[in-house]
């Protein structure tokens, strides 16, 4: 890899290590209408956008999440703090998991903790988010340092390739493969864990077949 590529990746890693997710306490304590929700989310997740024109969340996205049972429906067209916490989780996972996998992951969460009052003495969605935030925040530096070490190691591969352009290309390709395989393995773990917490689907009620394997018709039942 060229020095400029290594420098670029190092700059990206430094930026990722300093990105501040929506911090505990930043979610509004009042219910918001759709326009207010999209404004809040786009403002607070702007660091993750690849370009300035990209929208973090749109009205269409949010409506689709509700239709696909990823997000509980709004109450009188208003979204609560819990809605925005769930939307934040959806945002982080929508690029690596399918809609059904996100639904399997979030359904048990919302079933247990959505719309729990703070003074009820029970665990709330905000408490869950705060704990998850603290865990992720504590690991950012470690992840960044680990990736930086791997980049420097891969920059020494393909030293036998004489053509400088080919060598830099292969080193970059090798690094992309390593990062991709790392994502692949972690995704396998994520999918297995989701399967372990996903709610069980009720077995479809089937009409008992006749002895020859065919279902009875109404006329046959009345005989």
Protein backbone atom coordinates (compact mmCIF):
# COMPACT_ATOMS: atom_id res chain seq x y z
CA UNK A 1 0.00 0.00 0.00
CA UNK A 2 1.20 3.49 -0.74
CA UNK A 3 2.07 5.92 2.03
CA UNK A 4 -0.87 8.11 0.99
CA UNK A 5 -3.31 5.17 1.32
CA UNK A 6 -1.99 4.26 4.75
CA UNK A 7 -2.25 7.90 5.81
CA UNK A 8 -5.83 8.08 4.52
CA UNK A 9 -6.85 4.97 6.48
CA UNK A 10 -5.13 6.28 9.60
CA UNK A 11 -7.11 9.52 9.28
CA UNK A 12 -10.36 7.56 8.88
CA UNK A 13 -9.56 5.48 11.96
CA UNK A 14 -8.86 8.60 14.00
CA UNK A 15 -12.16 10.08 12.85
CA UNK A 16 -14.06 6.89 13.72
CA UNK A 17 -12.45 6.80 17.15
CA UNK A 18 -13.72 10.32 17.88
CA UNK A 19 -17.22 9.94 16.40
CA UNK A 20 -19.76 10.60 19.10
CA UNK A 21 -22.93 8.57 18.83
CA UNK A 22 -26.17 9.96 20.20
CA UNK A 23 -25.20 10.30 23.81
CA UNK A 24 -27.40 9.31 26.74
CA UNK A 25 -29.52 12.28 27.70
CA UNK A 26 -29.59 13.79 24.20
CA UNK A 27 -32.87 12.19 23.16
CA UNK A 28 -35.75 14.66 23.65
CA UNK A 29 -38.02 14.05 26.62
CA UNK A 30 -41.07 15.11 24.63
CA UNK A 31 -42.84 13.29 21.81
CA UNK A 32 -42.05 14.52 18.30
CA UNK A 33 -43.79 14.63 14.95
CA UNK A 34 -42.20 12.93 11.94
CA UNK A 35 -40.44 16.05 10.62
CA UNK A 36 -38.93 16.72 14.03
CA UNK A 37 -37.72 13.11 14.28
CA UNK A 38 -35.95 13.18 10.91
CA UNK A 39 -34.39 16.56 11.72
CA UNK A 40 -33.07 15.29 15.05
CA UNK A 41 -31.72 12.01 13.67
CA UNK A 42 -30.08 13.58 10.61
CA UNK A 43 -28.39 16.20 12.79
CA UNK A 44 -27.07 13.75 15.38
CA UNK A 45 -25.91 11.03 12.97
CA UNK A 46 -24.35 13.35 10.41
CA UNK A 47 -20.82 12.07 11.16
CA UNK A 48 -21.71 8.76 9.53
CA UNK A 49 -22.78 10.23 6.19
CA UNK A 50 -20.55 9.56 3.19
CA UNK A 51 -21.56 12.83 1.57
CA UNK A 52 -23.39 15.98 2.60
CA UNK A 53 -26.46 15.19 0.46
CA UNK A 54 -27.08 11.81 2.08
CA UNK A 55 -30.09 11.49 4.37
CA UNK A 56 -29.64 9.47 7.54
CA UNK A 57 -33.35 8.73 7.89
CA UNK A 58 -36.32 9.75 5.77
CA UNK A 59 -40.07 9.70 6.29
CA UNK A 60 -40.37 6.80 3.84
CA UNK A 61 -37.78 4.77 5.75
CA UNK A 62 -39.52 5.31 9.08
CA UNK A 63 -42.94 4.44 7.62
CA UNK A 64 -41.49 1.25 6.13
CA UNK A 65 -39.91 0.28 9.45
CA UNK A 66 -43.32 0.61 11.12
CA UNK A 67 -45.04 -1.37 8.35
CA UNK A 68 -42.45 -4.16 8.68
CA UNK A 69 -42.88 -4.26 12.48
CA UNK A 70 -39.35 -3.08 13.19
CA UNK A 71 -40.69 0.03 14.89
CA UNK A 72 -43.79 0.26 17.10
CA UNK A 73 -46.42 2.57 15.55
CA UNK A 74 -46.50 6.23 16.64
CA UNK A 75 -49.16 7.42 19.05
CA UNK A 76 -51.34 10.13 17.50
CA UNK A 77 -48.63 10.68 14.85
CA UNK A 78 -46.03 11.37 17.53
CA UNK A 79 -42.82 9.48 18.27
CA UNK A 80 -41.44 9.04 21.76
CA UNK A 81 -37.88 8.82 23.07
CA UNK A 82 -38.18 5.04 22.85
CA UNK A 83 -39.09 5.31 19.17
CA UNK A 84 -35.92 7.28 18.49
CA UNK A 85 -33.78 4.80 20.41
CA UNK A 86 -35.17 1.95 18.29
CA UNK A 87 -34.58 4.01 15.13
CA UNK A 88 -30.96 4.47 16.20
CA UNK A 89 -30.47 0.72 16.54
CA UNK A 90 -32.11 0.19 13.13
CA UNK A 91 -29.80 2.76 11.56
CA UNK A 92 -26.67 1.01 12.79
CA UNK A 93 -27.78 -2.45 11.66
CA UNK A 94 -29.58 -1.79 8.37
CA UNK A 95 -26.39 -1.94 6.32
CA UNK A 96 -25.26 -5.33 7.60
CA UNK A 97 -28.46 -7.23 8.43
CA UNK A 98 -31.68 -8.03 6.61
CA UNK A 99 -35.02 -6.56 7.64
CA UNK A 100 -36.14 -9.91 9.06
CA UNK A 101 -32.95 -10.26 11.12
CA UNK A 102 -33.34 -6.76 12.56
CA UNK A 103 -36.96 -7.57 13.35
CA UNK A 104 -35.94 -10.78 15.12
CA UNK A 105 -33.41 -8.81 17.16
CA UNK A 106 -35.61 -5.85 18.06
CA UNK A 107 -38.95 -7.59 18.70
CA UNK A 108 -37.85 -9.13 22.02
CA UNK A 109 -36.34 -5.77 22.98
CA UNK A 110 -39.46 -3.73 22.31
CA UNK A 111 -41.71 -6.42 23.82
CA UNK A 112 -39.83 -6.17 27.09
CA UNK A 113 -38.78 -2.54 27.42
CA UNK A 114 -40.73 -0.26 25.06
CA UNK A 115 -42.89 2.45 26.71
CA UNK A 116 -41.88 1.49 30.26
CA UNK A 117 -42.26 4.48 32.56
CA UNK A 118 -39.10 5.72 34.28
CA UNK A 119 -40.77 5.67 37.69
CA UNK A 120 -42.14 2.13 37.32
CA UNK A 121 -39.08 0.51 38.85
CA UNK A 122 -38.65 -1.63 35.71
CA UNK A 123 -35.86 -1.55 33.13
CA UNK A 124 -36.48 1.02 30.42
CA UNK A 125 -35.40 1.35 26.79
CA UNK A 126 -33.26 4.33 27.77
CA UNK A 127 -31.42 2.24 30.37
CA UNK A 128 -30.69 -0.42 27.73
CA UNK A 129 -29.38 2.22 25.30
CA UNK A 130 -27.17 3.81 27.96
CA UNK A 131 -25.54 0.48 28.79
CA UNK A 132 -24.98 -0.38 25.11
CA UNK A 133 -23.54 3.10 24.48
CA UNK A 134 -21.07 2.75 27.35
CA UNK A 135 -19.88 -0.63 26.05
CA UNK A 136 -19.36 0.59 22.48
CA UNK A 137 -17.66 3.79 23.59
CA UNK A 138 -15.14 1.85 25.67
CA UNK A 139 -14.19 -0.36 22.70
CA UNK A 140 -13.72 2.26 19.96
CA UNK A 141 -10.06 2.91 20.77
CA UNK A 142 -9.24 -0.79 20.88
CA UNK A 143 -10.92 -1.48 17.54
CA UNK A 144 -9.15 1.46 15.91
CA UNK A 145 -5.73 0.39 17.22
CA UNK A 146 -6.26 -3.23 16.15
CA UNK A 147 -7.21 -2.19 12.60
CA UNK A 148 -4.23 0.19 12.40
CA UNK A 149 -1.85 -2.63 13.39
CA UNK A 150 -3.31 -4.91 10.69
CA UNK A 151 -2.98 -2.20 8.05
CA UNK A 152 0.72 -1.75 8.79
CA UNK A 153 1.25 -5.52 8.65
CA UNK A 154 -0.52 -5.88 5.29
CA UNK A 155 1.48 -3.01 3.82
CA UNK A 156 4.54 -5.32 3.80
CA UNK A 157 2.86 -8.12 1.80
CA UNK A 158 3.62 -8.83 -1.88
CA UNK A 159 7.15 -7.49 -1.52
CA UNK A 160 8.30 -9.85 -4.31
CA UNK A 161 6.08 -8.06 -6.83
CA UNK A 162 8.46 -5.79 -8.73
CA UNK A 163 5.94 -3.50 -10.39
CA UNK A 164 5.11 -0.81 -7.82
CA UNK A 165 1.60 -0.24 -9.16
CA UNK A 166 0.76 -3.96 -9.06
CA UNK A 167 2.26 -4.28 -5.59
CA UNK A 168 0.22 -1.40 -4.16
CA UNK A 169 -2.94 -2.71 -5.82
CA UNK A 170 -2.46 -6.22 -4.41
CA UNK A 171 -1.66 -4.91 -0.94
CA UNK A 172 -4.83 -2.80 -0.98
CA UNK A 173 -6.87 -5.73 -2.36
CA UNK A 174 -5.45 -7.99 0.36
CA UNK A 175 -6.39 -5.45 3.02
CA UNK A 176 -9.93 -5.18 1.67
CA UNK A 177 -10.21 -8.99 1.75
CA UNK A 178 -8.99 -9.11 5.35
CA UNK A 179 -11.47 -6.46 6.49
CA UNK A 180 -14.25 -8.12 4.48
CA UNK A 181 -13.52 -11.54 6.00
CA UNK A 182 -13.47 -9.98 9.46
CA UNK A 183 -16.92 -8.49 8.80
CA UNK A 184 -18.12 -11.83 7.39
CA UNK A 185 -17.05 -13.77 10.49
CA UNK A 186 -18.56 -11.24 12.86
CA UNK A 187 -21.78 -11.22 10.86
CA UNK A 188 -21.98 -15.00 11.25
CA UNK A 189 -21.70 -14.57 15.01
CA UNK A 190 -24.32 -11.79 15.00
CA UNK A 191 -26.77 -13.89 12.97
CA UNK A 192 -26.31 -16.88 15.29
CA UNK A 193 -26.93 -14.73 18.36
CA UNK A 194 -30.03 -13.18 16.77
CA UNK A 195 -31.37 -16.67 16.02
CA UNK A 196 -30.91 -17.55 19.70
CA UNK A 197 -33.12 -14.66 20.89
CA UNK A 198 -35.62 -14.48 18.03
CA UNK A 199 -39.23 -15.16 19.04
CA UNK A 200 -40.47 -18.56 17.95
CA UNK A 201 -42.99 -18.57 15.14
CA UNK A 202 -46.24 -20.40 15.96
CA UNK A 203 -46.71 -23.57 13.96
CA UNK A 204 -49.28 -23.20 11.21
CA UNK A 205 -52.47 -25.02 11.91
CA UNK A 206 -52.74 -27.81 9.41
CA UNK A 207 -55.81 -29.83 8.58
CA UNK A 208 -55.11 -33.51 9.35
CA UNK A 209 -54.60 -35.44 6.11
CA UNK A 210 -56.50 -38.55 5.13
CA UNK A 211 -54.74 -41.88 5.33
CA UNK A 212 -53.81 -41.68 1.66
CA UNK A 213 -52.16 -38.29 2.26
CA UNK A 214 -54.98 -36.20 0.76
CA UNK A 215 -57.01 -33.65 2.71
CA UNK A 216 -60.68 -34.39 3.27
CA UNK A 217 -63.18 -32.31 1.31
CA UNK A 218 -66.27 -30.86 2.97
CA UNK A 219 -68.44 -33.51 1.35
CA UNK A 220 -66.18 -36.28 2.58
CA UNK A 221 -66.27 -34.91 6.15
CA UNK A 222 -70.09 -35.02 6.12
CA UNK A 223 -70.22 -38.61 4.94
